[in-house]
Amino acid sequence: MSRRIYKMMILAMLIGHLQPVIAQEKINYTLEDIISRAKSNSPAALRAETQRENRYWQYRFFQSDYNPQLRFQGLIPGYNQSVTQVVQPDGTIEFREVEQNLVELGLGLEQNIAATGGIISVNTATNRFDNFRSLPGDFQTRYSGIPVNVRLVQPIFAFNDLKWNKKIEPLRYEESKKTYVEEMENISRIATNLFFNYLLAQVRYEIAFKNKNNTEEIFRIENGRYNIGTTTEDQLLQVELRVLEAEQNLASARLDQESSALEIRSFIGLNETVDFNLILPDDIPQFIVDVDQAIDLAFQNRADAVAFARQKIEAEAEVARARGSRFNMNLEASYGYNNAAFTFWDIFSDPNQQALVNLRLGVPILDWGRNKARMGIATANQKLVDYTIEQEIINFEQEVFVQVKNFQQLKDRIEISKKADEVADKRYEISRQRYLSGKVDITNLNIAQTEKDSNKERYIASLRDYWTAYYELRQLTLYDFESQQLLYIAEVEE
């Protein structure tokens, strides 16, 4: 065999041994890494971003109602060929065959008047009529038009949508922007919960794996003692049973870890081929949350606080709508010029003055209490909204108060659970060494192991509860107490 071929075989063997190592390499993620990925890649974040964009365009659509609108309308063509009835001067009817074409073109600049709810417009229009069956010597084509016309349509004492929408829609848009920030903080909370669920499953797997190795070692020791007669068969069987339980616990922990990994992968959009490891966030930030400050921040920043004001204005608007439906009165006025001619340009030559004023009135004489009932419903609904909002404000304050107190309690609990974890772990190591030296029996060692495992899980669970409560508090106040910064800034959102 040549030296070159021999080197290639050695290289291939080395690559074959390296590939499993590379495939098993894990990427370490902190809690901040997982939250960052969730906010940028998760389906929940993409859905929140889409809803935010939708709300933005809804607000832009509302703003367009207060801007001038240039409209073009027309009929091109309006061709008609048929036999139609024509009333004669003496009242008789003649059936005539007609072949005609009518072209209508109009251009208007409209402006809504927000203060009064009216519409003012400047218009121009022209019409062309072609009679293809005109008699010889008659004009086949005729023109008519409006060179310029100013028109006003003004409801009197009616409900003004433009006025009330100008109060409601900015609040609705502000509410939607704050809701988006709250949704992103909710994504942080969910990601935190999934992070610790996997971390807890990861710790349980590590505990189960270590316990399996320890019980197998203890079984070998106990079996040796049994062979020399220093232990009983009952104790040997007890240790063997612990070995079987450790194998079952390891299999169950492995399944829980895989399920938790699948959940966190699905939520943050992580590729299945990426193997990862989570780092325990045991560095607790040191800051104090004042209850009164948290409540004030919640009222300043939360979308619910904006919703309270919006709901009150909407209730007032419904009362105004009911009041404006008692009768109908519309003023229509226009002034301009119009003309008719046989050529297009003659329309603009010495046009005739055109003026129109109409006041349309509709008043119910007998409605069997319909208007009174409409006003009663709107007024009662307004009172209901006021009472509901008062209760929601109380619940709002109570929710923030309870969350702050819970957060402070969880922070104190972490120190206790951490100390208990260290003590239980140290006790197990002492019990294990004493067992190996024959000073304690297997029952006491099993008790120490159970306490060690349960206190380790309690410590991880306390960290999960703390960080979840931390992001819940951020969601309730839209404020980062650690860096003392607002999570929602109106100028930045704009």
Protein backbone atom coordinates (compact mmCIF):
# COMPACT_ATOMS: atom_id res chain seq x y z
CA MET A 1 0.00 0.00 0.00
CA SER A 2 1.40 3.38 -0.97
CA ARG A 3 2.09 6.03 1.65
CA ARG A 4 -0.38 8.42 -0.03
CA ILE A 5 -3.27 5.96 0.19
CA TYR A 6 -2.37 5.19 3.78
CA LYS A 7 -2.50 8.90 4.70
CA MET A 8 -5.91 9.29 3.00
CA MET A 9 -7.30 6.36 4.99
CA ILE A 10 -5.99 7.82 8.25
CA LEU A 11 -7.52 11.22 7.35
CA ALA A 12 -10.87 9.62 6.56
CA MET A 13 -10.85 7.80 9.90
CA LEU A 14 -10.09 11.04 11.74
CA ILE A 15 -12.93 12.87 9.97
CA GLY A 16 -15.27 10.02 10.80
CA HIS A 17 -14.35 10.34 14.47
CA LEU A 18 -14.64 14.14 14.44
CA GLN A 19 -18.12 14.31 12.83
CA PRO A 20 -20.03 12.96 15.84
CA VAL A 21 -18.19 15.42 18.05
CA ILE A 22 -19.12 18.33 15.77
CA ALA A 23 -22.70 17.12 15.53
CA GLN A 24 -22.93 16.97 19.32
CA GLU A 25 -21.52 20.46 19.89
CA LYS A 26 -24.03 22.58 21.79
CA ILE A 27 -24.74 26.31 21.62
CA ASN A 28 -25.17 28.07 24.95
CA TYR A 29 -28.14 30.44 25.29
CA THR A 30 -28.85 32.85 28.11
CA LEU A 31 -32.32 34.00 29.08
CA GLU A 32 -31.71 37.29 27.23
CA ASP A 33 -30.76 35.35 24.07
CA ILE A 34 -33.95 33.32 24.13
CA ILE A 35 -36.12 36.41 24.73
CA SER A 36 -34.37 38.29 21.93
CA ARG A 37 -34.98 35.44 19.48
CA ALA A 38 -38.61 35.18 20.59
CA LYS A 39 -39.20 38.89 19.99
CA SER A 40 -37.68 38.76 16.51
CA ASN A 41 -38.44 35.28 15.15
CA SER A 42 -41.41 33.81 16.99
CA PRO A 43 -44.80 33.50 15.23
CA ALA A 44 -46.32 35.45 18.13
CA ALA A 45 -43.95 38.38 17.48
CA LEU A 46 -44.68 38.32 13.74
CA ARG A 47 -48.40 38.28 14.47
CA ALA A 48 -48.06 41.24 16.84
CA GLU A 49 -46.04 43.14 14.23
CA THR A 50 -48.70 42.47 11.58
CA GLN A 51 -51.46 43.65 13.91
CA ARG A 52 -49.43 46.77 14.65
CA GLU A 53 -49.11 47.52 10.94
CA ASN A 54 -52.84 46.94 10.43
CA ARG A 55 -53.68 49.39 13.21
CA TYR A 56 -51.32 51.93 11.72
CA TRP A 57 -53.07 51.83 8.33
CA GLN A 58 -56.46 52.04 10.02
CA TYR A 59 -55.32 55.26 11.66
CA ARG A 60 -54.01 56.59 8.35
CA PHE A 61 -57.38 55.78 6.79
CA PHE A 62 -59.10 57.81 9.54
CA GLN A 63 -56.77 60.79 8.96
CA SER A 64 -57.62 60.82 5.24
CA ASP A 65 -61.22 61.82 6.10
CA TYR A 66 -59.96 65.28 7.09
CA ASN A 67 -57.92 65.90 3.95
CA PRO A 68 -59.25 67.22 0.61
CA GLN A 69 -60.36 64.55 -1.83
CA LEU A 70 -60.09 65.10 -5.58
CA ARG A 71 -62.66 62.87 -7.29
CA PHE A 72 -63.29 62.11 -10.94
CA GLN A 73 -66.48 60.49 -12.13
CA GLY A 74 -67.87 59.82 -15.56
CA LEU A 75 -69.99 57.76 -17.90
CA ILE A 76 -67.96 56.60 -20.90
CA PRO A 77 -69.85 55.66 -23.02
CA GLY A 78 -73.60 55.71 -22.47
CA TYR A 79 -74.69 54.24 -25.79
CA ASN A 80 -78.36 53.31 -26.30
CA GLN A 81 -80.12 51.89 -29.38
CA SER A 82 -83.71 50.86 -28.83
CA VAL A 83 -87.37 51.52 -29.56
CA THR A 84 -88.84 53.73 -26.87
CA GLN A 85 -92.16 55.43 -26.22
CA VAL A 86 -92.37 59.19 -26.67
CA VAL A 87 -95.29 61.19 -25.25
CA GLN A 88 -96.68 63.61 -27.81
CA PRO A 89 -98.02 67.12 -27.05
CA ASP A 90 -101.61 65.87 -27.32
CA GLY A 91 -100.92 63.06 -24.79
CA THR A 92 -100.66 60.24 -27.27
CA ILE A 93 -97.66 57.94 -27.40
CA GLU A 94 -95.46 57.31 -30.37
CA PHE A 95 -92.87 54.57 -30.54
CA ARG A 96 -89.65 55.85 -31.98
CA GLU A 97 -86.39 54.14 -32.77
CA VAL A 98 -83.51 55.95 -31.09
CA GLU A 99 -79.75 55.62 -31.31
CA GLN A 100 -77.99 57.85 -28.85
CA ASN A 101 -74.77 58.23 -26.88
CA LEU A 102 -74.27 60.22 -23.69
CA VAL A 103 -70.86 61.03 -22.21
CA GLU A 104 -70.68 62.56 -18.71
CA LEU A 105 -67.44 63.78 -17.09
CA GLY A 106 -67.07 65.47 -13.72
CA LEU A 107 -64.23 66.60 -11.47
CA GLY A 108 -64.71 67.72 -7.88
CA LEU A 109 -62.54 68.80 -4.96
CA GLU A 110 -64.25 67.92 -1.65
CA GLN A 111 -63.39 68.88 1.90
CA ASN A 112 -65.07 67.59 5.04
CA ILE A 113 -65.76 70.21 7.69
CA ALA A 114 -64.88 68.51 10.98
CA ALA A 115 -66.38 71.22 13.19
CA THR A 116 -69.87 71.05 11.65
CA GLY A 117 -69.95 67.67 9.86
CA GLY A 118 -70.69 69.28 6.49
CA ILE A 119 -69.07 68.88 3.09
CA ILE A 120 -67.97 71.73 0.85
CA SER A 121 -66.89 71.05 -2.71
CA VAL A 122 -65.79 72.82 -5.87
CA ASN A 123 -66.96 71.04 -9.01
CA THR A 124 -66.82 71.17 -12.76
CA ALA A 125 -68.66 68.91 -15.24
CA THR A 126 -69.50 68.52 -18.90
CA ASN A 127 -71.91 66.37 -20.92
CA ARG A 128 -71.96 65.42 -24.58
CA PHE A 129 -75.10 64.08 -26.26
CA ASP A 130 -75.02 62.44 -29.73
CA ASN A 131 -78.23 61.68 -31.61
CA PHE A 132 -77.25 59.39 -34.45
CA ARG A 133 -80.79 59.46 -35.92
CA SER A 134 -81.16 63.23 -36.07
CA LEU A 135 -83.04 64.71 -39.01
CA PRO A 136 -81.07 66.32 -41.84
CA GLY A 137 -80.15 69.88 -40.93
CA ASP A 138 -80.43 69.26 -37.17
CA PHE A 139 -77.42 69.27 -34.88
CA GLN A 140 -76.31 65.73 -34.15
CA THR A 141 -74.16 66.70 -31.16
CA ARG A 142 -75.00 68.92 -28.21
CA TYR A 143 -72.99 69.92 -25.12
CA SER A 144 -73.89 71.05 -21.65
CA GLY A 145 -71.70 71.71 -18.66
CA ILE A 146 -70.92 73.40 -15.40
CA PRO A 147 -67.75 75.49 -15.72
CA VAL A 148 -67.54 75.94 -11.94
CA ASN A 149 -69.81 75.23 -9.02
CA VAL A 150 -69.42 75.56 -5.25
CA ARG A 151 -71.65 73.26 -3.21
CA LEU A 152 -72.33 72.93 0.51
CA VAL A 153 -74.14 70.06 2.23
CA GLN A 154 -74.64 70.74 5.93
CA PRO A 155 -76.66 68.57 8.35
CA ILE A 156 -78.39 70.60 11.08
CA PHE A 157 -78.42 69.26 14.67
CA ALA A 158 -77.26 65.84 13.41
CA PHE A 159 -74.64 63.56 14.91
CA ASN A 160 -71.19 64.66 13.75
CA ASP A 161 -69.05 61.55 13.08
CA LEU A 162 -66.04 63.65 12.15
CA LYS A 163 -66.07 65.53 15.44
CA TRP A 164 -66.33 62.43 17.63
CA ASN A 165 -63.94 60.33 15.57
CA LYS A 166 -61.35 63.06 15.99
CA LYS A 167 -61.57 62.46 19.74
CA ILE A 168 -61.80 58.67 19.66
CA GLU A 169 -59.45 57.48 16.91
CA PRO A 170 -56.23 59.08 18.25
CA LEU A 171 -56.91 57.37 21.57
CA ARG A 172 -57.57 54.09 19.79
CA TYR A 173 -54.29 54.39 17.89
CA GLU A 174 -52.37 55.30 21.05
CA GLU A 175 -53.96 52.31 22.74
CA SER A 176 -52.88 50.02 19.89
CA LYS A 177 -49.25 51.19 20.09
CA LYS A 178 -49.13 50.50 23.81
CA THR A 179 -50.85 47.18 23.28
CA TYR A 180 -48.04 46.20 20.88
CA VAL A 181 -45.40 46.88 23.56
CA GLU A 182 -47.46 44.89 26.07
CA GLU A 183 -47.70 41.99 23.61
CA MET A 184 -43.92 42.01 23.19
CA GLU A 185 -43.50 41.90 26.97
CA ASN A 186 -45.99 39.05 27.08
CA ILE A 187 -43.81 37.24 24.55
CA SER A 188 -40.88 37.80 26.92
CA ARG A 189 -42.90 36.28 29.75
CA ILE A 190 -43.88 33.23 27.69
CA ALA A 191 -40.30 32.77 26.48
CA THR A 192 -39.09 32.99 30.10
CA ASN A 193 -41.54 30.33 31.19
CA LEU A 194 -40.49 28.03 28.33
CA PHE A 195 -36.84 28.76 29.09
CA PHE A 196 -37.17 27.59 32.67
CA ASN A 197 -39.39 24.65 31.75
CA TYR A 198 -36.59 23.37 29.56
CA LEU A 199 -33.96 24.33 32.12
CA LEU A 200 -35.86 22.44 34.81
CA ALA A 201 -36.14 19.43 32.48
CA GLN A 202 -32.44 19.76 31.74
CA VAL A 203 -31.57 19.82 35.46
CA ARG A 204 -33.86 16.86 36.13
CA TYR A 205 -32.13 14.92 33.38
CA GLU A 206 -28.71 15.77 34.84
CA ILE A 207 -29.93 14.74 38.29
CA ALA A 208 -31.41 11.50 36.93
CA PHE A 209 -28.21 10.72 35.04
CA LYS A 210 -26.05 11.39 38.09
CA ASN A 211 -28.38 9.43 40.35
CA LYS A 212 -28.29 6.48 37.99
CA ASN A 213 -24.49 6.40 38.10
CA ASN A 214 -24.48 6.80 41.88
CA THR A 215 -27.01 4.04 42.47
CA GLU A 216 -25.15 1.70 40.14
CA GLU A 217 -21.95 2.39 42.10
CA ILE A 218 -23.79 1.87 45.39
CA PHE A 219 -25.24 -1.39 44.05
CA ARG A 220 -21.76 -2.65 43.24
CA ILE A 221 -20.60 -1.74 46.74
CA GLU A 222 -23.65 -3.28 48.37
CA ASN A 223 -23.25 -6.43 46.27
CA GLY A 224 -19.64 -6.70 47.44
CA ARG A 225 -20.73 -6.32 51.03
CA TYR A 226 -23.37 -8.98 50.54
CA ASN A 227 -20.80 -11.40 49.17
CA ILE A 228 -18.63 -10.98 52.31
CA GLY A 229 -21.66 -11.11 54.60
CA THR A 230 -21.64 -7.51 55.92
CA THR A 231 -25.10 -6.64 54.58
CA THR A 232 -28.41 -8.41 54.19
CA GLU A 233 -30.20 -9.53 51.04
CA ASP A 234 -33.06 -7.17 51.91
CA GLN A 235 -30.74 -4.16 51.71
CA LEU A 236 -29.22 -5.47 48.48
CA LEU A 237 -32.67 -5.81 46.89
CA GLN A 238 -33.56 -2.32 48.10
CA VAL A 239 -30.51 -0.89 46.32
CA GLU A 240 -31.28 -2.91 43.18
CA LEU A 241 -34.81 -1.50 43.23
CA ARG A 242 -33.29 2.00 43.42
CA VAL A 243 -31.20 1.21 40.35
CA LEU A 244 -34.31 0.23 38.39
CA GLU A 245 -36.12 3.35 39.55
CA ALA A 246 -33.12 5.49 38.54
CA GLU A 247 -33.23 3.99 35.02
CA GLN A 248 -36.96 4.74 34.77
CA ASN A 249 -36.44 8.28 36.05
CA LEU A 250 -33.66 8.83 33.51
CA ALA A 251 -35.88 7.69 30.64
CA SER A 252 -38.74 9.90 31.84
CA ALA A 253 -36.41 12.88 32.29
CA ARG A 254 -35.02 12.39 28.78
CA LEU A 255 -38.57 12.44 27.34
CA ASP A 256 -39.48 15.57 29.33
CA GLN A 257 -36.33 17.30 28.11
CA GLU A 258 -37.10 16.48 24.48
CA SER A 259 -40.70 17.72 24.85
CA SER A 260 -39.57 20.96 26.49
CA ALA A 261 -36.93 21.45 23.80
CA LEU A 262 -39.58 21.02 21.09
CA GLU A 263 -41.82 23.64 22.74
CA ILE A 264 -39.08 26.24 23.02
CA ARG A 265 -37.84 25.54 19.48
CA SER A 266 -41.34 26.02 18.07
CA PHE A 267 -41.89 29.26 19.94
CA ILE A 268 -38.59 31.02 19.13
CA GLY A 269 -38.23 29.56 15.61
CA LEU A 270 -35.05 27.60 16.30
CA ASN A 271 -33.86 25.05 13.74
CA GLU A 272 -34.24 21.43 14.85
CA THR A 273 -30.67 20.62 13.87
CA VAL A 274 -29.29 23.11 16.41
CA ASP A 275 -28.44 21.49 19.72
CA PHE A 276 -28.45 23.99 22.57
CA ASN A 277 -27.79 24.33 26.26
CA LEU A 278 -29.38 26.90 28.58
CA ILE A 279 -27.40 28.88 31.13
CA LEU A 280 -28.98 29.34 34.56
CA PRO A 281 -29.70 33.07 35.18
CA ASP A 282 -28.90 33.09 38.89
CA ASP A 283 -27.55 36.66 38.88
CA ILE A 284 -30.52 38.51 40.39
CA PRO A 285 -30.65 42.26 39.67
CA GLN A 286 -30.74 44.41 42.76
CA PHE A 287 -33.51 47.01 42.62
CA ILE A 288 -36.53 47.93 44.71
CA VAL A 289 -40.03 48.38 43.27
CA ASP A 290 -42.21 50.97 44.99
CA VAL A 291 -45.91 50.11 44.90
CA ASP A 292 -47.15 53.68 44.41
CA GLN A 293 -44.61 54.29 41.66
CA ALA A 294 -45.64 51.07 39.90
CA ILE A 295 -49.33 52.05 40.00
CA ASP A 296 -48.56 55.53 38.64
CA LEU A 297 -46.44 54.06 35.85
CA ALA A 298 -49.21 51.62 34.97
CA PHE A 299 -51.74 54.45 34.61
CA GLN A 300 -49.30 56.50 32.55
CA ASN A 301 -48.16 53.74 30.19
CA ARG A 302 -50.68 50.92 29.97
CA ALA A 303 -53.12 50.56 27.10
CA ASP A 304 -55.93 49.90 29.58
CA ALA A 305 -55.61 53.41 30.98
CA VAL A 306 -56.10 54.83 27.47
CA ALA A 307 -58.98 52.40 26.92
CA PHE A 308 -60.79 53.80 29.99
CA ALA A 309 -60.78 57.31 28.49
CA ARG A 310 -61.76 55.99 25.05
CA GLN A 311 -64.70 54.00 26.40
CA LYS A 312 -66.06 57.05 28.23
CA ILE A 313 -65.88 59.20 25.09
CA GLU A 314 -67.52 56.44 23.04
CA ALA A 315 -70.39 56.32 25.54
CA GLU A 316 -70.78 60.11 25.26
CA ALA A 317 -70.75 59.78 21.47
CA GLU A 318 -73.61 57.26 21.58
CA VAL A 319 -75.67 59.69 23.65
CA ALA A 320 -74.97 62.43 21.09
CA ARG A 321 -75.89 60.01 18.29
CA ALA A 322 -79.24 59.25 19.92
CA ARG A 323 -79.87 62.97 20.44
CA GLY A 324 -79.04 63.73 16.81
CA SER A 325 -81.49 61.09 15.54
CA ARG A 326 -84.57 62.90 16.85
CA PHE A 327 -85.20 64.62 13.52
CA ASN A 328 -83.45 65.17 10.20
CA MET A 329 -82.60 68.58 8.78
CA ASN A 330 -80.15 69.11 5.92
CA LEU A 331 -79.13 72.35 4.26
CA GLU A 332 -77.98 72.10 0.65
CA ALA A 333 -76.70 75.18 -1.15
CA SER A 334 -74.76 75.66 -4.37
CA TYR A 335 -73.70 78.54 -6.54
CA GLY A 336 -72.00 78.52 -9.91
CA TYR A 337 -72.53 78.66 -13.65
CA ASN A 338 -73.92 76.31 -16.27
CA ASN A 339 -74.56 76.46 -19.97
CA ALA A 340 -75.59 74.46 -23.05
CA ALA A 341 -74.16 74.79 -26.55
CA PHE A 342 -73.61 72.99 -29.82
CA THR A 343 -69.81 73.06 -29.41
CA PHE A 344 -67.68 72.26 -26.41
CA TRP A 345 -65.90 75.62 -26.07
CA ASP A 346 -69.16 77.57 -26.29
CA ILE A 347 -70.08 76.16 -22.87
CA PHE A 348 -67.57 78.55 -21.30
CA SER A 349 -68.77 81.53 -23.31
CA ASP A 350 -71.15 83.74 -21.30
CA PRO A 351 -72.49 80.95 -19.01
CA ASN A 352 -75.69 81.31 -17.04
CA GLN A 353 -75.73 81.85 -13.29
CA GLN A 354 -76.81 78.80 -11.27
CA ALA A 355 -77.97 79.00 -7.63
CA LEU A 356 -79.67 76.43 -5.42
CA VAL A 357 -80.75 76.44 -1.77
CA ASN A 358 -82.67 73.55 -0.21
CA LEU A 359 -83.58 72.88 3.41
CA ARG A 360 -84.84 69.35 3.85
CA LEU A 361 -86.70 68.64 7.07
CA GLY A 362 -87.96 65.39 8.53
CA VAL A 363 -89.67 65.49 11.97
CA PRO A 364 -91.52 62.50 13.46
CA ILE A 365 -94.97 63.57 14.66
CA LEU A 366 -95.94 60.32 16.36
CA ASP A 367 -93.21 57.75 17.07
CA TRP A 368 -94.72 56.03 20.16
CA GLY A 369 -91.76 56.96 22.37
CA ARG A 370 -89.10 55.72 19.94
CA ASN A 371 -86.78 58.72 20.37
CA LYS A 372 -87.26 58.70 24.15
CA ALA A 373 -86.36 55.01 24.30
CA ARG A 374 -83.31 55.58 22.11
CA MET A 375 -82.08 58.32 24.45
CA GLY A 376 -82.84 56.16 27.48
CA ILE A 377 -80.78 53.26 26.13
CA ALA A 378 -77.81 55.49 25.34
CA THR A 379 -77.94 57.21 28.75
CA ALA A 380 -78.23 53.91 30.63
CA ASN A 381 -75.30 52.47 28.66
CA GLN A 382 -73.24 55.54 29.52
CA LYS A 383 -73.92 55.01 33.23
CA LEU A 384 -73.04 51.33 32.88
CA VAL A 385 -69.75 52.20 31.21
CA ASP A 386 -68.91 54.67 34.00
CA TYR A 387 -69.64 52.10 36.72
CA THR A 388 -67.72 49.38 34.86
CA ILE A 389 -64.68 51.60 34.39
CA GLU A 390 -64.69 52.55 38.08
CA GLN A 391 -64.56 48.87 39.00
CA GLU A 392 -61.91 48.14 36.35
CA ILE A 393 -59.74 50.94 37.75
CA ILE A 394 -59.94 49.34 41.19
CA ASN A 395 -59.05 45.94 39.71
CA PHE A 396 -56.29 47.60 37.71
CA GLU A 397 -54.66 49.08 40.82
CA GLN A 398 -55.14 45.86 42.76
CA GLU A 399 -53.51 43.80 40.01
CA VAL A 400 -50.39 46.00 40.04
CA PHE A 401 -50.31 46.05 43.85
CA VAL A 402 -50.50 42.25 44.14
CA GLN A 403 -47.89 41.78 41.41
CA VAL A 404 -45.40 44.10 43.15
CA LYS A 405 -45.87 42.35 46.49
CA ASN A 406 -45.59 38.95 44.85
CA PHE A 407 -42.42 40.01 43.07
CA GLN A 408 -40.81 41.16 46.30
CA GLN A 409 -41.76 37.91 48.04
CA LEU A 410 -40.35 35.80 45.19
CA LYS A 411 -37.09 37.72 45.36
CA ASP A 412 -36.76 36.85 49.07
CA ARG A 413 -37.70 33.23 48.39
CA ILE A 414 -34.81 32.80 45.95
CA GLU A 415 -32.23 33.37 48.68
CA ILE A 416 -33.92 30.80 50.92
CA SER A 417 -34.26 28.17 48.19
CA LYS A 418 -30.68 28.73 47.08
CA LYS A 419 -29.41 28.21 50.61
CA ALA A 420 -31.60 25.12 51.02
CA ASP A 421 -30.20 23.71 47.76
CA GLU A 422 -26.63 24.19 48.94
CA VAL A 423 -27.36 22.64 52.34
CA ALA A 424 -29.19 19.64 50.85
CA ASP A 425 -26.39 19.05 48.34
CA LYS A 426 -23.75 19.20 51.07
CA ARG A 427 -25.78 16.87 53.31
CA TYR A 428 -26.07 14.33 50.52
CA GLU A 429 -22.32 14.33 49.92
CA ILE A 430 -21.69 13.82 53.65
CA SER A 431 -24.29 11.04 53.80
CA ARG A 432 -22.79 9.42 50.71
CA GLN A 433 -19.27 9.45 52.22
CA ARG A 434 -20.59 8.08 55.51
CA TYR A 435 -22.45 5.37 53.64
CA LEU A 436 -19.30 4.39 51.79
CA SER A 437 -17.51 4.17 55.13
CA GLY A 438 -20.38 2.12 56.55
CA LYS A 439 -21.56 4.67 59.15
CA VAL A 440 -25.13 5.13 57.77
CA ASP A 441 -27.51 2.73 56.08
CA ILE A 442 -29.00 2.92 52.63
CA THR A 443 -32.31 4.35 53.91
CA ASN A 444 -30.70 7.54 55.24
CA LEU A 445 -28.73 7.92 52.02
CA ASN A 446 -31.94 7.64 49.97
CA ILE A 447 -33.59 10.29 52.14
CA ALA A 448 -30.62 12.64 51.63
CA GLN A 449 -30.71 12.04 47.87
CA THR A 450 -34.45 12.79 47.68
CA GLU A 451 -33.99 16.01 49.64
CA LYS A 452 -31.08 17.02 47.40
CA ASP A 453 -33.10 16.49 44.24
CA SER A 454 -36.25 18.24 45.48
CA ASN A 455 -34.36 21.28 46.77
CA LYS A 456 -32.48 21.62 43.48
CA GLU A 457 -35.80 21.63 41.60
CA ARG A 458 -37.31 24.10 44.08
CA TYR A 459 -34.42 26.47 43.47
CA ILE A 460 -34.89 26.33 39.69
CA ALA A 461 -38.66 26.77 40.14
CA SER A 462 -38.11 29.81 42.37
CA LEU A 463 -35.89 31.37 39.69
CA ARG A 464 -38.59 30.67 37.10
CA ASP A 465 -41.29 32.27 39.25
CA TYR A 466 -39.06 35.31 39.88
CA TRP A 467 -38.16 36.00 36.25
CA THR A 468 -41.70 35.32 35.06
CA ALA A 469 -43.03 37.76 37.67
CA TYR A 470 -40.37 40.27 36.59
CA TYR A 471 -41.60 40.31 32.99
CA GLU A 472 -45.21 40.33 34.13
CA LEU A 473 -44.39 43.45 36.13
CA ARG A 474 -42.78 45.00 33.05
CA GLN A 475 -45.90 44.16 31.05
CA LEU A 476 -48.19 45.73 33.68
CA THR A 477 -46.22 48.99 33.90
CA LEU A 478 -44.32 49.15 30.57
CA TYR A 479 -41.30 50.13 32.63
CA ASP A 480 -37.89 48.52 33.09
CA PHE A 481 -37.16 48.89 36.81
CA GLU A 482 -33.64 47.51 36.44
CA SER A 483 -32.46 50.16 33.97
CA GLN A 484 -35.14 52.70 35.04
CA GLN A 485 -36.33 53.27 31.48
CA LEU A 486 -39.74 53.46 29.85
CA LEU A 487 -40.56 50.61 27.50
CA TYR A 488 -42.99 52.80 25.55
CA ILE A 489 -41.93 56.22 24.27
CA ALA A 490 -44.48 57.92 22.02
CA GLU A 491 -41.91 59.84 19.95
CA VAL A 492 -39.91 56.68 19.23
CA GLU A 493 -43.04 54.73 18.31
CA GLU A 494 -44.08 57.41 15.86
